[in-house]
């Protein structure tokens, strides 16, 4: 076990701070069956391009530097200590700097064991290569070799050319090696024989790499889905031939067996934008199954006419539910006909899961068939910041319906059954309600009458089933009520509150007077689109982020005053202004199209996968510092505890002022939410605990506590003013002095 751990550390753990490239790349040494490959060809170039990213610009702002000042000081001191400890252990000091690393490649593969193998587990390999600058490769190799050989974990073997290889024995048939060539270190661990073909020689790999690293992107990830599916099928055939046959049927019916490789490139463009590109290739460039029709997909850009000018995000898509359902039906027909021990899978299914059997292949399947084929091919979504959680102006998701009666019939039959099923599981975190819209209108005689409209379906949080740690968030969660229904004019509308859907069901889905095309940022985005995109989306979350940030600052004093926050090396009350974040961001764009037989998605915005990698790398650098600091603090605390053992503890003093402020902050939180919802403050605190349609638990955090008294048993005093409110405790003497005297204000 120890040897396996050491090998893993060499081949994987060592790679965490290391990076490679140049010369003969590892991709030329990796077998052609490589399933997963990661490359950062130029670490320094990637770090330099990150300097113009949104996150880097935020970090460089003066107010951000002031906010992080104490933290950065602690970090620098901690790294100084770590460098000293590393040098004392013989680790090259230069290795603790990003300048030491040139590039990184990692590859891995797996296959069933060969016919002559004594193993019953899959053969596998993991390979890695690191390029080190400043002549560090020989120095690091010498350090690792000496350490492992002296511990008896490895053997240094000299090759014919005079170079050496470090061999680590793991288990019979398994081996790991580490060696140096010039300014590079290579690590390898494998079992079995993977042939002589090279990953770098694969045409699909070459094309994917070139596309991923274009436009200055610095990260490349390659995953061969097709080979992975073949390996999974072969392994299944060894252990469960019948299950393997089922898997093969599914792969063929759904076109999974036509998939090639999925590749990703991510990095920063010259203008500082974060950018990623995702590519899905197909074997021989020919999609199969449900993918076959995708070459004809083209989004209807006319749907932009439905997106209002004030929208801060939208997406347009092409979908074909009818084709997907036909493919699924073909698979289900083959599945139900399979014989298992004298009975068909269909018969067994009907006995074990009668409801799903009835809907998918039984007596209800005709309803499902008509309903799913009743959808069109157009779908759009949009959101407005003013709509909050999907209010009347909040937007939603709109899916075209060509057979309104067919889709409504399917939902009318299915949704009540689903609702009853959920009722039988009181521990389910959500509830489903079936409602009918009431429409008031004037008849021919001029009388006001109410008629029954279409059904709609509402999901809400089941607060009683929430775990204790989430019950405090029940107020916020209760605001989210996914609701959907089908309009008379042929749209399935999904919103995050009832008002969105009820409005659409009454009036239909209307085009606004002014649409999103007038937005200059959207105009620029549309100008960058290819001629026939399959999907388009745009998101400008800057306004929403600024509003959320402003609201967060209202609650911040309450969090900053908690004992846990006092341990942080930053002062939460001195957070930078919202402009530091918003001013360094830009809208996020994405579009998908067919390019030379591949489905390609391109993104551009403020934060992308490369930024997440940068955050993870920064976290990896910070973690050792705080681990060392934590150990130091624990040792210091232990010494203090030991010194205090003989002391007589002083009587505990209850800080009534602190508990008053906690409750005042809780009431302030409720007042803020109430004002945002009603555009006014309540006339009395009792309004904060009254349930409403959108706030069924009231407006206070921890709603089960209700309106608590202060530590002296008196209710808190509240007065609504013309320009705000006055909130206070009458203090220890219990006398209302309108916030003066010993009264304690918020």
Foldseek 3Di string as FASTA:
>chain_A
DVLVVVQCCVQPVVCLLFFAADDDDCLQVDFQLWFKKKKQQFLVLQVVLLCLFLVNLLCPDPLNCVQCVLVVVLLVVLVVVVLVVCVVLVHPSVSLDSLFWTGKMKIKHWAQADPPDPDRDIKMKIKMKTFTPPQCQVSRVVSVQVVCVVVVQWDWAADPVGFIKIWGDDDVQKIKIWGDDGRMIMIMIIGHDRDNHGNVPDPVSVVLVCVQCPQNFRIKMKGFQLSVLVRVLVSCCVPPVVVSVLSVLLCQLQQVNFWTMWMKTWGAHPNNWTKMKIWTFTVVLAGDHLCRCVQVFFWDPVCLLLAAQQWQKKKKFFDQQLSVLVSVLVSVVVQQQDDDPNHGPLVVCCVPPVVVSCCCPRVNVVLVNQQSNQWHTIKMWTAHLLCPQFAQRGTFIKTFGNCQVSNLVSCVVPQVVVQVVVVVPLLDQKHKDKDWAWDWDADPVRDIDIDIFGIKMKMATSLVNDPPVCNLVNQVRLLFIWMWDAAPVGIITIGRDPNNHSVCNHPNRDRDPHGNCPPPLVVVQVVPDDPGFRMWMKGLCLVVQLVVVVLVLLLQVLVQPDPVNVPDSGRSNSDDHSCSNSVSWDMKIKIWHADSSMIMMMIIINDDPSNVVVVVSVCVSSVVSVVVVVVVVVVVVVVVVVVCPPPDDDDDDDDLLNQQVNLQSQLSQLQVVVCSVVVFGDQDSQQQQPADSSRRRGRTRVSVVPQAPGPCRHGWDKHGDPVGIWTWHPADVRDCPVCDDRIGTD
